[in-house]
């Protein structure tokens, strides 16, 4: 069962809605477009720390007691697995979800169950989730396997989309061509706001975890992408890191205040290329083998068309 909401107050923030990523240059999971309004938030790099070695000294006689000091404890790595929710019908329709509480569809529930089995094998120590149904339901699939409670946090919600929420990408292009070009929903949450909000939530969760632990954080496409960019010191408007597919995840680690990207868009691998001899014995010629490849490409293209609707 979900635990009580853990999110901190966002003050005057207009909300935390979601980005369909259907803007110009959108990738498979929904890039956010040009987003020139990113503001100063995107260049807040994590590299101000001097590193873990500054207080080590010669260390000839440190022995086991070296681990006891607070500085040494701070050097221990904390890992966050940032997991995007499963598929919804609005993802398939390329419809801007934002903070509208759309639930998982049948495919999304299957995705969550499968991904939860993979993530449970990593032995997570805590689960945090956006309180929107599509994220909380995804988190519950993991909670059932691990016995861990789900800590709901409003700051993990998707970007608030203002007037765009509920509209398809086609409708946004038609009714808001200028705003679409800069990917700035009228009355919506600015890129700078969602970037800071998500990054601060990730930092707060990491601060709550002991060294050497793993927390699973279930959130949304734009929230994860922008927040992760800030932690890594990357400009949010450039979207250097590609988007997440539904129910895929990225892994970040923090040691001595420095964040590193360990894995990205994990969760689904293509089928391996068949062994040549086995393929020949099974009757896979150029035509049939090509058909398999085309099927995979078609499947991935369909997933890309779903977009990143948060």
Protein backbone atom coordinates (compact mmCIF):
# COMPACT_ATOMS: atom_id res chain seq x y z
CA UNK A 1 0.00 0.00 0.00
CA UNK A 2 1.30 3.50 -0.74
CA UNK A 3 2.82 5.37 2.17
CA UNK A 4 1.83 8.94 2.97
CA UNK A 5 2.84 11.57 0.45
CA UNK A 6 6.40 12.72 1.03
CA UNK A 7 6.66 15.67 -1.33
CA UNK A 8 7.84 19.02 -0.09
CA UNK A 9 5.89 22.20 -0.83
CA UNK A 10 6.59 23.81 -4.17
CA UNK A 11 5.60 27.25 -3.06
CA UNK A 12 4.42 29.39 -5.94
CA UNK A 13 5.08 26.70 -8.59
CA UNK A 14 2.08 26.43 -10.92
CA UNK A 15 2.19 22.64 -10.83
CA UNK A 16 4.33 19.85 -12.03
CA UNK A 17 2.74 18.59 -15.18
CA UNK A 18 3.95 16.57 -17.98
CA UNK A 19 5.63 16.94 -21.30
CA UNK A 20 4.45 14.83 -24.20
CA UNK A 21 7.76 15.32 -25.89
CA UNK A 22 5.88 15.68 -29.11
CA UNK A 23 7.72 18.87 -29.98
CA UNK A 24 10.22 19.30 -32.78
CA UNK A 25 12.85 16.64 -32.85
CA UNK A 26 10.92 14.36 -30.51
CA UNK A 27 12.56 10.96 -30.06
CA UNK A 28 10.97 7.59 -29.32
CA UNK A 29 9.98 8.44 -25.81
CA UNK A 30 9.18 12.04 -26.36
CA UNK A 31 11.82 14.70 -26.61
CA UNK A 32 10.71 18.04 -25.27
CA UNK A 33 11.49 20.17 -28.28
CA UNK A 34 13.57 23.34 -28.34
CA UNK A 35 12.51 24.64 -24.90
CA UNK A 36 14.31 27.96 -25.13
CA UNK A 37 12.71 28.97 -21.88
CA UNK A 38 14.84 26.63 -19.81
CA UNK A 39 16.30 29.51 -17.82
CA UNK A 40 19.36 29.29 -15.65
CA UNK A 41 18.45 26.00 -14.04
CA UNK A 42 20.03 23.76 -16.65
CA UNK A 43 23.68 24.63 -16.00
CA UNK A 44 23.76 23.80 -12.31
CA UNK A 45 26.55 21.22 -12.48
CA UNK A 46 27.22 18.67 -9.77
CA UNK A 47 31.00 18.98 -9.87
CA UNK A 48 31.62 21.51 -7.10
CA UNK A 49 32.85 18.78 -4.74
CA UNK A 50 36.55 18.15 -4.48
CA UNK A 51 36.13 14.39 -4.58
CA UNK A 52 36.33 11.59 -2.06
CA UNK A 53 40.05 11.69 -1.44
CA UNK A 54 40.59 15.07 0.15
CA UNK A 55 40.37 13.87 3.76
CA UNK A 56 42.04 10.49 3.33
CA UNK A 57 45.54 11.49 4.36
CA UNK A 58 48.35 8.94 4.17
CA UNK A 59 45.95 6.27 5.47
CA UNK A 60 48.74 3.94 6.66
CA UNK A 61 47.03 3.26 10.00
CA UNK A 62 43.42 4.01 9.06
CA UNK A 63 42.22 0.41 9.44
CA UNK A 64 38.54 -0.37 9.89
CA UNK A 65 37.90 2.77 11.96
CA UNK A 66 38.31 4.90 8.84
CA UNK A 67 34.79 3.98 7.81
CA UNK A 68 33.28 5.48 10.96
CA UNK A 69 33.88 9.17 10.28
CA UNK A 70 31.09 11.30 8.80
CA UNK A 71 33.24 12.37 5.88
CA UNK A 72 33.96 8.78 4.97
CA UNK A 73 30.27 7.89 5.23
CA UNK A 74 29.45 10.76 2.88
CA UNK A 75 31.80 9.22 0.31
CA UNK A 76 29.69 6.07 0.03
CA UNK A 77 27.69 5.77 -3.16
CA UNK A 78 23.92 6.16 -3.22
CA UNK A 79 22.15 4.87 -6.33
CA UNK A 80 18.82 5.99 -7.80
CA UNK A 81 16.98 3.93 -10.40
CA UNK A 82 14.71 6.40 -12.21
CA UNK A 83 11.84 4.36 -13.66
CA UNK A 84 9.28 5.76 -16.08
CA UNK A 85 5.71 4.48 -15.70
CA UNK A 86 4.10 1.95 -18.04
CA UNK A 87 2.07 2.72 -21.11
CA UNK A 88 -1.30 4.49 -21.08
CA UNK A 89 -3.86 4.90 -23.85
CA UNK A 90 -2.90 8.57 -24.03
CA UNK A 91 0.71 7.58 -24.71
CA UNK A 92 -0.52 5.69 -27.76
CA UNK A 93 -2.64 8.65 -28.86
CA UNK A 94 0.28 11.08 -28.39
CA UNK A 95 -1.94 13.06 -26.08
CA UNK A 96 -0.44 15.47 -23.54
CA UNK A 97 -1.17 13.97 -20.11
CA UNK A 98 0.55 16.39 -17.75
CA UNK A 99 -1.03 16.11 -14.33
CA UNK A 100 -4.26 14.56 -15.61
CA UNK A 101 -4.52 11.28 -13.74
CA UNK A 102 -4.57 8.74 -16.55
CA UNK A 103 -4.15 5.09 -15.54
CA UNK A 104 -2.14 2.33 -17.14
CA UNK A 105 -3.64 0.35 -19.99
CA UNK A 106 -3.37 -3.45 -20.27
CA UNK A 107 0.01 -3.20 -22.00
CA UNK A 108 1.27 -0.82 -19.34
CA UNK A 109 0.30 -3.20 -16.57
CA UNK A 110 2.12 -6.03 -18.31
CA UNK A 111 5.16 -3.81 -18.78
CA UNK A 112 5.17 -2.93 -15.09
CA UNK A 113 4.92 -6.56 -13.98
CA UNK A 114 7.77 -7.62 -16.25
CA UNK A 115 10.05 -4.70 -15.37
CA UNK A 116 9.34 -5.16 -11.66
CA UNK A 117 10.75 -8.69 -11.81
CA UNK A 118 13.98 -7.36 -13.29
CA UNK A 119 14.28 -4.49 -10.82
CA UNK A 120 13.45 -6.67 -7.80
CA UNK A 121 16.54 -8.75 -8.61
CA UNK A 122 18.64 -5.63 -7.85
CA UNK A 123 17.37 -5.74 -4.24
CA UNK A 124 16.26 -2.12 -3.86
CA UNK A 125 16.11 -0.59 -0.38
CA UNK A 126 13.27 1.88 -0.96
CA UNK A 127 10.57 2.80 -3.48
CA UNK A 128 9.43 6.36 -4.18
CA UNK A 129 6.77 7.35 -6.69
CA UNK A 130 4.80 10.19 -8.16
CA UNK A 131 1.28 10.11 -6.76
CA UNK A 132 -0.30 10.06 -10.22
CA UNK A 133 -2.01 6.72 -10.87
CA UNK A 134 0.11 5.62 -13.82
CA UNK A 135 3.29 5.96 -11.76
CA UNK A 136 1.89 4.66 -8.46
CA UNK A 137 0.46 1.56 -10.18
CA UNK A 138 3.85 0.90 -11.77
CA UNK A 139 5.52 1.22 -8.37
CA UNK A 140 2.99 -1.13 -6.77
CA UNK A 141 4.09 -3.93 -9.11
CA UNK A 142 7.54 -3.72 -7.54
CA UNK A 143 6.18 -3.31 -4.01
CA UNK A 144 4.28 -6.58 -4.31
CA UNK A 145 7.50 -8.44 -5.11
CA UNK A 146 9.78 -6.75 -2.58
CA UNK A 147 7.46 -6.06 0.34
CA UNK A 148 8.68 -2.46 0.40
CA UNK A 149 6.20 0.41 0.91
CA UNK A 150 5.65 2.97 -1.84
CA UNK A 151 6.47 6.50 -0.66
CA UNK A 152 4.33 8.92 -2.68
CA UNK A 153 5.93 12.27 -3.51
CA UNK A 154 4.07 15.03 -5.37
CA UNK A 155 7.36 16.56 -6.50
CA UNK A 156 7.84 13.54 -8.76
CA UNK A 157 4.75 14.42 -10.80
CA UNK A 158 5.06 15.22 -14.49
CA UNK A 159 5.32 18.69 -15.94
CA UNK A 160 2.08 20.66 -15.77
CA UNK A 161 0.93 21.26 -19.35
CA UNK A 162 -1.55 24.10 -18.88
CA UNK A 163 -3.78 24.55 -21.92
CA UNK A 164 -2.14 21.60 -23.69
CA UNK A 165 -3.30 18.92 -21.26
CA UNK A 166 -5.65 16.50 -22.99
CA UNK A 167 -4.70 17.65 -26.50
CA UNK A 168 -3.00 15.48 -29.10
CA UNK A 169 0.24 16.53 -30.71
CA UNK A 170 -1.67 17.32 -33.91
CA UNK A 171 -4.06 19.59 -32.03
CA UNK A 172 -1.22 21.38 -30.25
CA UNK A 173 0.49 22.03 -33.58
CA UNK A 174 -2.76 23.33 -35.06
CA UNK A 175 -3.98 25.53 -32.20
CA UNK A 176 -0.66 26.67 -30.71
CA UNK A 177 1.90 26.75 -33.55
CA UNK A 178 4.11 29.43 -32.00
CA UNK A 179 4.17 27.89 -28.55
CA UNK A 180 4.74 24.47 -30.09
CA UNK A 181 7.87 25.72 -31.82
CA UNK A 182 9.45 26.62 -28.48
CA UNK A 183 7.63 23.85 -26.58
CA UNK A 184 6.10 26.22 -24.07
CA UNK A 185 2.52 25.31 -23.09
CA UNK A 186 0.36 28.36 -22.26
CA UNK A 187 -0.25 28.55 -18.51
CA UNK A 188 2.01 25.52 -18.10
CA UNK A 189 5.06 24.86 -15.96
CA UNK A 190 8.25 26.42 -17.35
CA UNK A 191 11.16 24.14 -18.18
CA UNK A 192 13.25 25.80 -15.47
CA UNK A 193 10.61 25.00 -12.84
CA UNK A 194 10.18 21.31 -13.69
CA UNK A 195 13.96 20.93 -13.97
CA UNK A 196 14.61 22.32 -10.48
CA UNK A 197 11.62 20.57 -8.90
CA UNK A 198 12.55 17.12 -10.17
CA UNK A 199 16.27 17.48 -9.46
CA UNK A 200 15.61 18.65 -5.90
CA UNK A 201 13.29 15.68 -5.34
CA UNK A 202 16.00 13.30 -6.54
CA UNK A 203 18.57 14.98 -4.29
CA UNK A 204 16.23 14.83 -1.30
CA UNK A 205 15.60 11.12 -1.84
CA UNK A 206 19.33 10.46 -2.15
CA UNK A 207 19.93 12.41 1.07
CA UNK A 208 17.47 10.15 2.89
CA UNK A 209 19.27 6.95 1.85
CA UNK A 210 22.28 5.42 3.62
CA UNK A 211 25.53 4.87 1.76
CA UNK A 212 25.57 1.80 -0.45
CA UNK A 213 21.79 1.74 -0.91
CA UNK A 214 19.50 1.71 -3.95
CA UNK A 215 16.23 3.65 -4.21
CA UNK A 216 13.77 3.10 -7.04
CA UNK A 217 12.06 6.36 -8.11
CA UNK A 218 8.99 6.02 -10.33
CA UNK A 219 8.18 9.17 -12.26
CA UNK A 220 7.47 10.52 -15.75
CA UNK A 221 9.33 11.14 -19.00
CA UNK A 222 9.90 14.88 -18.82
CA UNK A 223 10.38 14.99 -15.05
CA UNK A 224 13.07 12.31 -15.18
CA UNK A 225 14.76 13.76 -18.26
CA UNK A 226 14.96 17.36 -17.07
CA UNK A 227 15.81 16.47 -13.47
CA UNK A 228 18.53 14.07 -14.54
CA UNK A 229 20.04 16.66 -16.88
CA UNK A 230 20.36 19.13 -14.01
CA UNK A 231 22.04 16.60 -11.73
CA UNK A 232 24.55 15.77 -14.46
CA UNK A 233 25.24 19.42 -15.27
CA UNK A 234 23.75 19.22 -18.75
CA UNK A 235 21.67 21.98 -20.37
CA UNK A 236 18.01 21.02 -20.15
CA UNK A 237 17.02 22.66 -23.43
CA UNK A 238 19.55 20.61 -25.39
CA UNK A 239 18.12 17.26 -24.19
CA UNK A 240 21.52 15.65 -24.60
CA UNK A 241 20.23 12.45 -23.00
CA UNK A 242 17.59 10.66 -25.03
CA UNK A 243 14.12 10.07 -23.68
CA UNK A 244 12.89 7.04 -21.77
CA UNK A 245 10.50 4.52 -23.29
CA UNK A 246 7.49 3.49 -21.23
CA UNK A 247 8.55 1.36 -18.25
CA UNK A 248 12.26 1.80 -18.97
CA UNK A 249 14.69 3.29 -16.49
CA UNK A 250 17.99 5.08 -15.99
CA UNK A 251 20.46 4.58 -13.16
CA UNK A 252 22.31 7.45 -11.48
CA UNK A 253 24.82 7.28 -8.64
CA UNK A 254 26.01 10.00 -6.28
CA UNK A 255 29.30 9.90 -4.43
CA UNK A 256 30.78 12.90 -2.62
CA UNK A 257 28.19 15.17 -4.22
CA UNK A 258 29.02 14.10 -7.77
CA UNK A 259 26.37 12.47 -9.94
CA UNK A 260 27.17 9.94 -12.64
CA UNK A 261 24.97 8.28 -15.25
CA UNK A 262 25.52 4.52 -15.04
CA UNK A 263 22.75 3.22 -17.33
CA UNK A 264 20.09 4.77 -19.55
CA UNK A 265 16.84 3.56 -21.14
CA UNK A 266 17.21 0.07 -19.69
CA UNK A 267 14.41 -2.45 -19.70
CA UNK A 268 14.01 -3.83 -23.19
CA UNK A 269 16.63 -5.38 -25.43
CA UNK A 270 16.18 -6.38 -29.07
CA UNK A 271 16.16 -10.05 -29.93
CA UNK A 272 19.72 -11.33 -30.53
CA UNK A 273 20.82 -12.04 -34.08
CA UNK A 274 20.30 -15.77 -34.73
CA UNK A 275 23.30 -18.07 -34.91
CA UNK A 276 24.04 -18.53 -38.65
CA UNK A 277 24.10 -22.31 -38.49
CA UNK A 278 20.97 -22.52 -36.36
CA UNK A 279 19.22 -20.02 -38.59
CA UNK A 280 20.06 -22.05 -41.70
CA UNK A 281 18.88 -25.25 -40.04
CA UNK A 282 15.63 -23.54 -39.07
CA UNK A 283 15.11 -22.31 -42.62
CA UNK A 284 15.91 -18.61 -42.08
CA UNK A 285 17.01 -17.39 -45.49
CA UNK A 286 17.55 -13.81 -46.52
CA UNK A 287 13.83 -13.24 -46.96
CA UNK A 288 12.68 -14.71 -43.67
CA UNK A 289 15.57 -13.25 -41.69
CA UNK A 290 14.92 -9.87 -43.22
CA UNK A 291 11.31 -10.23 -42.17
CA UNK A 292 12.37 -10.69 -38.55
CA UNK A 293 14.49 -7.56 -38.72
CA UNK A 294 11.71 -5.58 -40.33
CA UNK A 295 9.32 -6.79 -37.62
CA UNK A 296 11.62 -5.49 -34.90
CA UNK A 297 12.04 -2.17 -36.67
CA UNK A 298 8.29 -1.87 -37.10
CA UNK A 299 7.71 -2.64 -33.42
CA UNK A 300 10.25 -0.03 -32.34
CA UNK A 301 8.75 2.50 -34.76
CA UNK A 302 5.31 1.92 -33.25
CA UNK A 303 6.73 2.50 -29.78
CA UNK A 304 8.39 5.69 -31.00
CA UNK A 305 5.10 6.89 -32.40
CA UNK A 306 3.59 6.59 -28.92
CA UNK A 307 5.74 9.50 -27.87
CA UNK A 308 6.71 10.63 -24.37
CA UNK A 309 3.43 11.68 -22.89
CA UNK A 310 4.65 11.66 -19.32
